[in-house]
Amino acid sequence: MAPSAMSVSRGSPRHILVDTLGLVLSAAVHAADIQDRDGASRVLDKKTRALFPIIVRIFADAGYRSARAALAAARSSDWIIEIVQRNELHTFVVLPKRWIVERTIAWLNRCRRLDRDWENLNRKALTFLRLASIRLMLRKLCNPA
């Protein structure tokens, strides 16, 4: 499971928690003045832990490296946050587990409402993110091939 920030050009950062298939488990949208490392606690809350008790390890990118993100994971339960880092600069390397989140972000950005930040309220942006993820899950269920 890997939370990741999905930044848009002028709007609010979006954080998602996905499973190994790339389906969205939890999401959070917040104001642009909050850093990614601080926004992780909004995705890794007690409600998420109650919904998904089998999660043990969370893979995240370097934006989530901080004591606050680790504290949010430890506070919610005994989750372990593992940071996936790039080894080489300026070269494309497929990183283990991180490509799952990046693929999900690309799938979600196919929706026009999520391509740019059109919403004035964070709760509306979160609603459209959830609707897009529901659409994605239905497509996967109806067309398994």
N, C-alpha and C. Protein backbone atom coordinates (compact mmCIF):
# COMPACT_ATOMS: atom_id res chain seq x y z
N MET A 1 0.85 -1.16 0.00
CA MET A 1 0.00 0.00 0.00
C MET A 1 0.90 1.22 0.00
N ALA A 2 0.54 2.21 -0.79
CA ALA A 2 1.43 3.34 -0.89
C ALA A 2 0.66 4.63 -1.03
N PRO A 3 0.76 5.53 -0.08
CA PRO A 3 0.17 6.83 -0.28
C PRO A 3 1.09 7.69 -1.13
N SER A 4 0.51 8.56 -1.89
CA SER A 4 1.33 9.42 -2.72
C SER A 4 0.61 10.73 -2.95
N ALA A 5 1.35 11.79 -3.12
CA ALA A 5 0.76 13.09 -3.39
C ALA A 5 0.52 13.21 -4.88
N MET A 6 -0.62 13.72 -5.21
CA MET A 6 -0.95 13.97 -6.60
C MET A 6 -1.14 15.48 -6.70
N SER A 7 -0.13 16.19 -7.12
CA SER A 7 -0.20 17.64 -7.17
C SER A 7 -0.81 18.10 -8.48
N VAL A 8 -1.52 19.19 -8.41
CA VAL A 8 -2.09 19.80 -9.60
C VAL A 8 -1.50 21.18 -9.75
N SER A 9 -1.73 21.81 -10.89
CA SER A 9 -1.03 23.03 -11.23
C SER A 9 -1.25 24.17 -10.25
N ARG A 10 -2.49 24.46 -9.87
CA ARG A 10 -2.72 25.63 -9.03
C ARG A 10 -3.54 25.32 -7.81
N GLY A 11 -3.74 24.05 -7.51
CA GLY A 11 -4.73 23.76 -6.49
C GLY A 11 -4.24 23.02 -5.28
N SER A 12 -5.13 22.26 -4.76
CA SER A 12 -4.93 21.56 -3.50
C SER A 12 -4.24 20.22 -3.71
N PRO A 13 -3.27 19.90 -2.88
CA PRO A 13 -2.63 18.59 -2.98
C PRO A 13 -3.59 17.47 -2.62
N ARG A 14 -3.47 16.36 -3.33
CA ARG A 14 -4.30 15.18 -3.10
C ARG A 14 -3.39 14.05 -2.69
N HIS A 15 -3.78 13.35 -1.65
CA HIS A 15 -3.03 12.20 -1.17
C HIS A 15 -3.92 10.98 -1.31
N ILE A 16 -3.36 9.90 -1.84
CA ILE A 16 -4.15 8.68 -2.00
C ILE A 16 -3.40 7.50 -1.40
N LEU A 17 -4.17 6.55 -0.90
CA LEU A 17 -3.65 5.29 -0.41
C LEU A 17 -4.24 4.22 -1.32
N VAL A 18 -3.38 3.48 -2.01
CA VAL A 18 -3.85 2.48 -2.97
C VAL A 18 -3.37 1.10 -2.54
N ASP A 19 -4.08 0.08 -3.07
CA ASP A 19 -3.64 -1.29 -2.82
C ASP A 19 -2.68 -1.71 -3.94
N THR A 20 -2.28 -2.96 -3.94
CA THR A 20 -1.29 -3.42 -4.92
C THR A 20 -1.86 -3.50 -6.33
N LEU A 21 -3.18 -3.47 -6.48
CA LEU A 21 -3.79 -3.43 -7.81
C LEU A 21 -3.94 -2.02 -8.34
N GLY A 22 -3.74 -1.03 -7.50
CA GLY A 22 -3.87 0.35 -7.91
C GLY A 22 -5.24 0.94 -7.63
N LEU A 23 -6.06 0.27 -6.86
CA LEU A 23 -7.39 0.78 -6.52
C LEU A 23 -7.30 1.64 -5.27
N VAL A 24 -8.02 2.75 -5.28
CA VAL A 24 -7.94 3.73 -4.19
C VAL A 24 -8.64 3.20 -2.95
N LEU A 25 -7.92 3.18 -1.84
CA LEU A 25 -8.48 2.77 -0.56
C LEU A 25 -8.93 3.98 0.26
N SER A 26 -8.11 5.01 0.26
CA SER A 26 -8.41 6.20 1.02
C SER A 26 -7.81 7.41 0.29
N ALA A 27 -8.42 8.56 0.51
CA ALA A 27 -7.94 9.77 -0.15
C ALA A 27 -8.13 10.97 0.77
N ALA A 28 -7.33 11.99 0.56
CA ALA A 28 -7.45 13.24 1.32
C ALA A 28 -7.04 14.40 0.43
N VAL A 29 -7.74 15.51 0.59
CA VAL A 29 -7.44 16.75 -0.14
C VAL A 29 -7.34 17.84 0.91
N HIS A 30 -6.31 18.68 0.81
CA HIS A 30 -6.15 19.75 1.79
C HIS A 30 -5.64 21.00 1.11
N ALA A 31 -5.52 22.05 1.88
CA ALA A 31 -5.07 23.34 1.36
C ALA A 31 -3.62 23.27 0.89
N ALA A 32 -3.26 24.15 -0.01
CA ALA A 32 -1.93 24.11 -0.61
C ALA A 32 -0.83 24.55 0.35
N ASP A 33 -1.17 25.17 1.46
CA ASP A 33 -0.13 25.63 2.39
C ASP A 33 0.34 24.55 3.36
N ILE A 34 -0.19 23.33 3.24
CA ILE A 34 0.23 22.21 4.09
C ILE A 34 1.17 21.32 3.28
N GLN A 35 2.31 20.99 3.85
CA GLN A 35 3.31 20.16 3.17
C GLN A 35 2.81 18.72 3.02
N ASP A 36 3.41 17.99 2.06
CA ASP A 36 3.05 16.58 1.86
C ASP A 36 3.29 15.75 3.10
N ARG A 37 4.40 15.99 3.75
CA ARG A 37 4.73 15.19 4.93
C ARG A 37 3.73 15.41 6.05
N ASP A 38 3.12 16.58 6.10
CA ASP A 38 2.10 16.85 7.11
C ASP A 38 0.73 16.34 6.69
N GLY A 39 0.50 16.25 5.39
CA GLY A 39 -0.78 15.78 4.89
C GLY A 39 -0.95 14.28 4.96
N ALA A 40 0.12 13.56 5.22
CA ALA A 40 0.03 12.10 5.31
C ALA A 40 -0.87 11.67 6.46
N SER A 41 -0.91 12.46 7.51
CA SER A 41 -1.74 12.08 8.66
C SER A 41 -3.22 12.10 8.32
N ARG A 42 -3.60 12.85 7.29
CA ARG A 42 -5.01 12.89 6.89
C ARG A 42 -5.43 11.61 6.18
N VAL A 43 -4.50 10.93 5.54
CA VAL A 43 -4.81 9.66 4.89
C VAL A 43 -4.64 8.50 5.87
N LEU A 44 -3.64 8.60 6.73
CA LEU A 44 -3.33 7.52 7.66
C LEU A 44 -4.02 7.75 9.01
N ASP A 45 -5.32 7.85 8.99
CA ASP A 45 -6.04 8.09 10.23
C ASP A 45 -6.62 6.79 10.78
N LYS A 46 -7.27 6.87 11.92
CA LYS A 46 -7.82 5.69 12.58
C LYS A 46 -8.96 5.06 11.80
N LYS A 47 -9.68 5.89 11.05
CA LYS A 47 -10.78 5.38 10.24
C LYS A 47 -10.25 4.45 9.14
N THR A 48 -9.16 4.84 8.52
CA THR A 48 -8.55 4.00 7.49
C THR A 48 -8.06 2.69 8.09
N ARG A 49 -7.46 2.75 9.26
CA ARG A 49 -6.99 1.53 9.91
C ARG A 49 -8.15 0.61 10.26
N ALA A 50 -9.28 1.17 10.68
CA ALA A 50 -10.43 0.34 11.00
C ALA A 50 -11.01 -0.32 9.74
N LEU A 51 -10.96 0.38 8.62
CA LEU A 51 -11.48 -0.19 7.37
C LEU A 51 -10.56 -1.24 6.77
N PHE A 52 -9.25 -1.07 6.96
CA PHE A 52 -8.26 -1.97 6.35
C PHE A 52 -7.28 -2.47 7.40
N PRO A 53 -7.70 -3.42 8.23
CA PRO A 53 -6.82 -3.88 9.31
C PRO A 53 -5.66 -4.75 8.85
N ILE A 54 -5.68 -5.23 7.60
CA ILE A 54 -4.63 -6.13 7.15
C ILE A 54 -3.39 -5.40 6.63
N ILE A 55 -3.46 -4.09 6.50
CA ILE A 55 -2.30 -3.33 6.02
C ILE A 55 -1.21 -3.37 7.08
N VAL A 56 0.01 -3.68 6.64
CA VAL A 56 1.14 -3.72 7.57
C VAL A 56 2.19 -2.70 7.16
N ARG A 57 2.51 -2.66 5.87
CA ARG A 57 3.60 -1.82 5.38
C ARG A 57 3.05 -0.85 4.34
N ILE A 58 3.51 0.39 4.41
CA ILE A 58 3.10 1.42 3.46
C ILE A 58 4.34 1.92 2.75
N PHE A 59 4.31 1.88 1.42
CA PHE A 59 5.41 2.40 0.62
C PHE A 59 5.07 3.83 0.22
N ALA A 60 6.02 4.73 0.36
CA ALA A 60 5.79 6.14 0.07
C ALA A 60 7.00 6.73 -0.63
N ASP A 61 6.80 7.87 -1.28
CA ASP A 61 7.93 8.53 -1.92
C ASP A 61 8.62 9.45 -0.92
N ALA A 62 9.69 10.10 -1.38
CA ALA A 62 10.54 10.88 -0.47
C ALA A 62 9.83 12.09 0.13
N GLY A 63 8.72 12.53 -0.45
CA GLY A 63 7.99 13.66 0.10
C GLY A 63 7.37 13.37 1.46
N TYR A 64 7.26 12.10 1.80
CA TYR A 64 6.66 11.71 3.07
C TYR A 64 7.70 11.36 4.13
N ARG A 65 8.94 11.68 3.88
CA ARG A 65 9.98 11.39 4.85
C ARG A 65 9.98 12.48 5.92
N SER A 66 9.44 12.15 7.06
CA SER A 66 9.47 13.08 8.19
C SER A 66 9.03 12.33 9.43
N ALA A 67 9.27 12.95 10.54
CA ALA A 67 8.85 12.36 11.80
C ALA A 67 7.33 12.41 11.94
N ARG A 68 6.70 13.43 11.36
CA ARG A 68 5.25 13.55 11.46
C ARG A 68 4.53 12.43 10.73
N ALA A 69 5.02 12.06 9.54
CA ALA A 69 4.40 10.97 8.79
C ALA A 69 4.58 9.65 9.54
N ALA A 70 5.76 9.43 10.07
CA ALA A 70 5.99 8.20 10.84
C ALA A 70 5.15 8.18 12.11
N LEU A 71 5.00 9.32 12.73
CA LEU A 71 4.17 9.41 13.93
C LEU A 71 2.71 9.16 13.61
N ALA A 72 2.24 9.67 12.46
CA ALA A 72 0.85 9.43 12.05
C ALA A 72 0.59 7.96 11.81
N ALA A 73 1.54 7.27 11.21
CA ALA A 73 1.40 5.82 10.98
C ALA A 73 1.45 5.06 12.30
N ALA A 74 2.34 5.45 13.18
CA ALA A 74 2.46 4.76 14.47
C ALA A 74 1.25 5.05 15.36
N ARG A 75 0.72 6.26 15.26
CA ARG A 75 -0.42 6.64 16.08
C ARG A 75 -1.66 5.85 15.66
N SER A 76 -1.82 5.67 14.36
CA SER A 76 -2.99 4.94 13.87
C SER A 76 -2.91 3.47 14.24
N SER A 77 -1.74 2.91 14.15
CA SER A 77 -1.55 1.49 14.46
C SER A 77 -0.06 1.18 14.37
N ASP A 78 0.24 -0.05 14.09
CA ASP A 78 1.63 -0.47 13.98
C ASP A 78 2.10 -0.49 12.53
N TRP A 79 1.63 0.44 11.73
CA TRP A 79 2.06 0.52 10.33
C TRP A 79 3.52 0.91 10.25
N ILE A 80 4.17 0.44 9.21
CA ILE A 80 5.56 0.79 8.93
C ILE A 80 5.60 1.55 7.61
N ILE A 81 6.14 2.76 7.61
CA ILE A 81 6.28 3.53 6.37
C ILE A 81 7.67 3.27 5.81
N GLU A 82 7.71 2.78 4.59
CA GLU A 82 8.97 2.50 3.91
C GLU A 82 9.11 3.48 2.75
N ILE A 83 10.16 4.28 2.77
CA ILE A 83 10.38 5.30 1.75
C ILE A 83 11.10 4.65 0.55
N VAL A 84 10.51 4.82 -0.64
CA VAL A 84 11.11 4.31 -1.88
C VAL A 84 11.86 5.48 -2.52
N GLN A 85 13.17 5.33 -2.66
CA GLN A 85 14.00 6.42 -3.18
C GLN A 85 14.58 6.10 -4.54
N ARG A 86 14.87 7.17 -5.25
CA ARG A 86 15.58 7.01 -6.52
C ARG A 86 17.07 6.91 -6.23
N ASN A 87 17.73 6.01 -6.94
CA ASN A 87 19.17 5.86 -6.78
C ASN A 87 19.94 6.75 -7.72
N GLU A 88 19.45 6.88 -8.95
CA GLU A 88 20.16 7.65 -9.96
C GLU A 88 19.34 8.88 -10.34
N LEU A 89 19.99 10.01 -10.42
CA LEU A 89 19.33 11.24 -10.81
C LEU A 89 19.34 11.37 -12.33
N HIS A 90 18.30 11.95 -12.89
CA HIS A 90 18.19 12.26 -14.32
C HIS A 90 18.13 11.03 -15.21
N THR A 91 17.76 9.89 -14.67
CA THR A 91 17.54 8.71 -15.49
C THR A 91 16.23 8.07 -15.06
N PHE A 92 15.55 7.44 -16.01
CA PHE A 92 14.29 6.79 -15.70
C PHE A 92 14.57 5.38 -15.21
N VAL A 93 14.11 5.11 -14.01
CA VAL A 93 14.23 3.78 -13.43
C VAL A 93 12.88 3.45 -12.80
N VAL A 94 12.35 2.28 -13.11
CA VAL A 94 11.09 1.86 -12.50
C VAL A 94 11.38 1.45 -11.06
N LEU A 95 10.78 2.16 -10.13
CA LEU A 95 11.00 1.88 -8.72
C LEU A 95 9.96 0.88 -8.22
N PRO A 96 10.37 -0.06 -7.41
CA PRO A 96 9.41 -1.06 -6.93
C PRO A 96 8.31 -0.42 -6.10
N LYS A 97 7.10 -0.83 -6.35
CA LYS A 97 5.89 -0.40 -5.65
C LYS A 97 5.47 1.04 -5.95
N ARG A 98 6.38 1.91 -6.31
CA ARG A 98 6.00 3.30 -6.55
C ARG A 98 5.26 3.45 -7.87
N TRP A 99 5.54 2.62 -8.85
CA TRP A 99 4.88 2.74 -10.13
C TRP A 99 3.39 2.43 -10.02
N ILE A 100 2.99 1.68 -9.01
CA ILE A 100 1.57 1.38 -8.81
C ILE A 100 0.79 2.66 -8.52
N VAL A 101 1.32 3.48 -7.66
CA VAL A 101 0.67 4.75 -7.33
C VAL A 101 0.70 5.70 -8.52
N GLU A 102 1.83 5.77 -9.21
CA GLU A 102 1.93 6.65 -10.36
C GLU A 102 0.95 6.24 -11.45
N ARG A 103 0.76 4.94 -11.63
CA ARG A 103 -0.20 4.44 -12.62
C ARG A 103 -1.61 4.84 -12.22
N THR A 104 -1.95 4.73 -10.94
CA THR A 104 -3.27 5.13 -10.46
C THR A 104 -3.50 6.61 -10.66
N ILE A 105 -2.49 7.41 -10.40
CA ILE A 105 -2.61 8.85 -10.61
C ILE A 105 -2.86 9.15 -12.08
N ALA A 106 -2.19 8.45 -12.98
CA ALA A 106 -2.41 8.64 -14.42
C ALA A 106 -3.83 8.23 -14.80
N TRP A 107 -4.33 7.13 -14.23
CA TRP A 107 -5.71 6.71 -14.51
C TRP A 107 -6.70 7.76 -14.03
N LEU A 108 -6.48 8.31 -12.85
CA LEU A 108 -7.40 9.30 -12.30
C LEU A 108 -7.34 10.62 -13.07
N ASN A 109 -6.17 10.96 -13.60
CA ASN A 109 -6.04 12.21 -14.34
C ASN A 109 -6.69 12.15 -15.71
N ARG A 110 -7.18 10.99 -16.13
CA ARG A 110 -7.94 10.92 -17.37
C ARG A 110 -9.29 11.61 -17.24
N CYS A 111 -9.76 11.77 -16.02
CA CYS A 111 -11.02 12.48 -15.78
C CYS A 111 -10.76 13.98 -15.88
N ARG A 112 -11.60 14.65 -16.65
CA ARG A 112 -11.38 16.08 -16.88
C ARG A 112 -11.45 16.90 -15.60
N ARG A 113 -12.32 16.53 -14.67
CA ARG A 113 -12.46 17.31 -13.45
C ARG A 113 -11.21 17.22 -12.58
N LEU A 114 -10.45 16.15 -12.72
CA LEU A 114 -9.25 15.99 -11.90
C LEU A 114 -7.99 16.45 -12.61
N ASP A 115 -8.10 16.72 -13.90
CA ASP A 115 -6.94 17.17 -14.65
C ASP A 115 -6.43 18.50 -14.12
N ARG A 116 -7.32 19.38 -13.83
CA ARG A 116 -6.99 20.66 -13.20
C ARG A 116 -7.85 20.81 -11.96
N ASP A 117 -7.48 21.73 -11.14
CA ASP A 117 -8.23 21.93 -9.90
C ASP A 117 -9.33 22.96 -10.15
N TRP A 118 -10.50 22.48 -10.51
CA TRP A 118 -11.62 23.36 -10.82
C TRP A 118 -12.47 23.68 -9.60
N GLU A 119 -12.32 22.90 -8.56
CA GLU A 119 -13.22 23.02 -7.41
C GLU A 119 -12.74 24.10 -6.44
N ASN A 120 -13.69 24.80 -5.85
CA ASN A 120 -13.37 25.82 -4.85
C ASN A 120 -13.25 25.23 -3.44
N LEU A 121 -13.95 24.14 -3.20
CA LEU A 121 -13.95 23.52 -1.88
C LEU A 121 -13.21 22.19 -1.92
N ASN A 122 -12.46 21.92 -0.87
CA ASN A 122 -11.70 20.67 -0.81
C ASN A 122 -12.61 19.45 -0.75
N ARG A 123 -13.75 19.57 -0.09
CA ARG A 123 -14.66 18.42 0.00
C ARG A 123 -15.25 18.07 -1.36
N LYS A 124 -15.45 19.09 -2.22
CA LYS A 124 -15.94 18.80 -3.57
C LYS A 124 -14.85 18.13 -4.40
N ALA A 125 -13.61 18.57 -4.23
CA ALA A 125 -12.50 17.94 -4.94
C ALA A 125 -12.34 16.49 -4.49
N LEU A 126 -12.50 16.24 -3.20
CA LEU A 126 -12.42 14.87 -2.68
C LEU A 126 -13.57 14.01 -3.21
N THR A 127 -14.74 14.60 -3.34
CA THR A 127 -15.89 13.87 -3.88
C THR A 127 -15.64 13.45 -5.32
N PHE A 128 -15.12 14.35 -6.13
CA PHE A 128 -14.84 14.00 -7.53
C PHE A 128 -13.69 13.01 -7.65
N LEU A 129 -12.74 13.06 -6.74
CA LEU A 129 -11.68 12.06 -6.71
C LEU A 129 -12.26 10.68 -6.39
N ARG A 130 -13.17 10.62 -5.44
CA ARG A 130 -13.80 9.35 -5.09
C ARG A 130 -14.68 8.84 -6.22
N LEU A 131 -15.41 9.74 -6.89
CA LEU A 131 -16.22 9.32 -8.03
C LEU A 131 -15.36 8.76 -9.15
N ALA A 132 -14.24 9.39 -9.41
CA ALA A 132 -13.33 8.88 -10.45
C ALA A 132 -12.76 7.52 -10.06
N SER A 133 -12.47 7.33 -8.78
CA SER A 133 -11.95 6.02 -8.36
C SER A 133 -13.02 4.95 -8.42
N ILE A 134 -14.27 5.30 -8.14
CA ILE A 134 -15.37 4.35 -8.28
C ILE A 134 -15.53 3.96 -9.74
N ARG A 135 -15.45 4.93 -10.62
CA ARG A 135 -15.53 4.67 -12.05
C ARG A 135 -14.40 3.73 -12.49
N LEU A 136 -13.23 3.96 -11.97
CA LEU A 136 -12.07 3.12 -12.28
C LEU A 136 -12.29 1.68 -11.79
N MET A 137 -12.80 1.54 -10.57
CA MET A 137 -13.05 0.20 -10.03
C MET A 137 -14.14 -0.52 -10.82
N LEU A 138 -15.18 0.19 -11.21
CA LEU A 138 -16.25 -0.45 -12.01
C LEU A 138 -15.73 -0.91 -13.36
N ARG A 139 -14.87 -0.13 -13.98
CA ARG A 139 -14.29 -0.54 -15.25
C ARG A 139 -13.46 -1.81 -15.08
N LYS A 140 -12.72 -1.88 -13.98
CA LYS A 140 -11.89 -3.06 -13.74
C LYS A 140 -12.75 -4.29 -13.48
N LEU A 141 -13.88 -4.12 -12.79
CA LEU A 141 -14.76 -5.24 -12.51
C LEU A 141 -15.51 -5.71 -13.76
N CYS A 142 -15.95 -4.77 -14.59
CA CYS A 142 -16.73 -5.13 -15.78
C CYS A 142 -15.86 -5.65 -16.91
N ASN A 143 -14.63 -5.19 -17.02
CA ASN A 143 -13.71 -5.61 -18.07
C ASN A 143 -12.45 -6.18 -17.44
N PRO A 144 -12.48 -7.40 -16.93
CA PRO A 144 -11.30 -7.92 -16.23
C PRO A 144 -10.13 -8.22 -17.13
N ALA A 145 -10.31 -8.27 -18.43
CA ALA A 145 -9.20 -8.60 -19.34
C ALA A 145 -8.34 -7.42 -19.66
